[in-house]
Protein backbone atom coordinates (compact mmCIF):
# COMPACT_ATOMS: atom_id res chain seq x y z
CA MET A 1 0.19 0.04 -0.05
CA ILE A 2 2.74 2.31 0.85
CA THR A 3 4.32 2.23 -2.39
CA GLY A 4 0.95 3.15 -4.13
CA TYR A 5 1.04 6.33 -2.16
CA ARG A 6 4.46 7.10 -2.89
CA ASP A 7 3.74 6.21 -6.71
CA LYS A 8 0.63 8.65 -7.02
CA LEU A 9 2.14 11.67 -4.93
CA GLU A 10 5.34 11.34 -7.16
CA ALA A 11 2.82 11.24 -10.30
CA ILE A 12 0.67 13.78 -9.26
CA LEU A 13 3.89 16.50 -8.37
CA LYS A 14 5.44 15.47 -11.50
CA GLN A 15 2.34 16.91 -13.49
CA VAL A 16 2.46 20.21 -12.07
CA ARG A 17 6.01 20.31 -11.46
CA PRO A 18 8.27 17.74 -13.49
CA ARG A 19 11.77 19.29 -12.02
CA LEU A 20 10.82 19.50 -8.69
CA ALA A 21 13.00 16.77 -7.58
CA SER A 22 15.86 17.91 -9.33
CA THR A 23 15.45 21.57 -7.75
CA TYR A 24 15.06 20.20 -4.29
CA LYS A 25 15.80 17.22 -2.10
CA LEU A 26 12.71 15.25 -1.87
CA GLU A 27 12.51 13.20 0.77
CA LEU A 28 9.12 10.67 1.24
CA LYS A 29 8.62 9.42 4.38
CA LYS A 30 6.16 7.06 5.75
CA ILE A 31 3.71 7.99 8.52
CA VAL A 32 2.37 4.96 10.30
CA SER A 33 0.40 5.35 13.98
CA ALA A 34 -0.24 2.42 16.13
CA GLN A 35 -3.54 3.95 16.86
CA TRP A 36 -4.47 4.56 13.12
CA ARG A 37 -2.81 1.39 11.82
CA GLY A 38 -2.71 2.90 8.59
CA MET A 39 -0.04 4.33 6.64
CA SER A 40 0.71 7.72 4.24
CA MET A 41 3.36 9.66 2.26
CA ALA A 42 5.05 12.93 3.23
CA ILE A 43 7.02 15.34 1.61
CA PHE A 44 7.88 18.43 3.46
CA PHE A 45 5.13 20.13 2.23
CA CYS A 46 2.83 17.61 0.76
CA SER A 47 1.06 14.35 2.10
CA CYS A 48 -0.86 11.41 0.62
CA GLY A 49 -2.63 8.66 2.08
CA LYS A 50 -6.15 7.11 2.43
CA PHE A 51 -7.74 10.89 3.18
CA GLY A 52 -6.65 11.99 -0.30
CA LEU A 53 -3.92 14.46 -0.92
CA ALA A 54 -3.00 17.41 1.42
CA LEU A 55 -0.96 20.40 0.93
CA ARG A 56 0.87 22.51 3.71
CA LEU A 57 -0.27 26.28 2.74
CA PRO A 58 0.71 29.68 3.91
CA GLU A 59 -1.80 31.15 6.44
CA LYS A 60 -3.46 33.45 3.87
CA THR A 61 -4.09 30.90 1.09
CA PHE A 62 -5.26 28.06 3.90
CA ALA A 63 -8.02 30.61 4.85
CA GLU A 64 -9.47 31.25 1.45
CA LEU A 65 -9.15 27.36 0.47
CA PHE A 66 -11.27 26.86 3.32
CA GLN A 67 -14.03 28.94 1.94
CA GLU A 68 -14.68 26.45 -0.82
CA LYS A 69 -16.82 23.58 -0.58
CA GLY A 70 -15.05 20.26 -0.22
CA VAL A 71 -11.66 21.53 1.30
CA LYS A 72 -10.87 19.47 4.69
CA LYS A 73 -8.36 19.66 7.43
CA LEU A 74 -5.96 17.00 7.67
CA LYS A 75 -6.13 14.45 10.33
CA TYR A 76 -4.27 10.95 10.17
CA PHE A 77 -6.46 9.09 11.88
CA PRO A 78 -9.87 9.45 13.64
CA ASN A 79 -9.09 10.85 16.95
CA GLY A 80 -5.91 12.19 16.36
CA HIS A 81 -5.04 16.24 15.78
CA VAL A 82 -5.55 18.20 13.30
CA LYS A 83 -2.34 19.19 11.13
CA LYS A 84 -2.23 22.72 11.38
CA GLU A 85 -2.04 24.38 8.04
CA TYR A 86 -2.67 21.24 5.99
CA ALA A 87 -5.59 21.28 3.69
CA VAL A 88 -6.85 17.98 2.06
CA ILE A 89 -7.50 19.11 -1.42
CA PRO A 90 -10.64 18.02 -3.33
CA GLU A 91 -10.27 16.06 -6.71
CA ARG A 92 -12.07 19.05 -8.42
CA ILE A 93 -8.66 21.39 -7.86
CA LEU A 94 -6.24 18.26 -8.22
CA GLU A 95 -8.02 17.87 -12.08
CA ASP A 96 -7.43 21.61 -12.52
CA PRO A 97 -3.73 21.62 -13.37
CA ALA A 98 -3.26 25.49 -13.46
CA ARG A 99 -4.86 25.90 -10.10
CA PHE A 100 -3.04 22.82 -8.39
CA LYS A 101 0.03 23.91 -9.74
CA LYS A 102 -0.41 27.37 -8.21
CA LEU A 103 -1.17 25.61 -4.81
CA VAL A 104 1.89 23.66 -4.88
CA ASP A 105 4.06 26.78 -5.37
CA GLN A 106 2.68 28.62 -2.72
CA SER A 107 3.31 25.24 -0.43
CA ILE A 108 6.93 25.24 -1.53
CA GLN A 109 7.45 28.81 -0.95
CA CYS A 110 5.60 28.09 2.55
CA ARG A 111 8.19 25.70 3.62
CA PHE A 112 11.09 28.08 2.32
């Protein structure tokens, strides 16, 4: 399952930022919780798992995005804490390459 998340995350990012891996050192990290018994993959600004794909965003972008329908806060497991500054991106935004690319860029800039 973890390989599937890694492949999905890499494929999604490669569509909007094909040279991202050559520009930044991307480290994919497996996130496992004993309480959750699930897995997800994360990079410094992005996370992928059963919940979908989440981005860490600047405060202003985060607030604006939550005005839209279908955007959720990231929680790795039902009783876990909310990951601050991470928004689970709805499928309709993932399917809009220009919009998703803009969010990925903001997410990267937020980190550095």
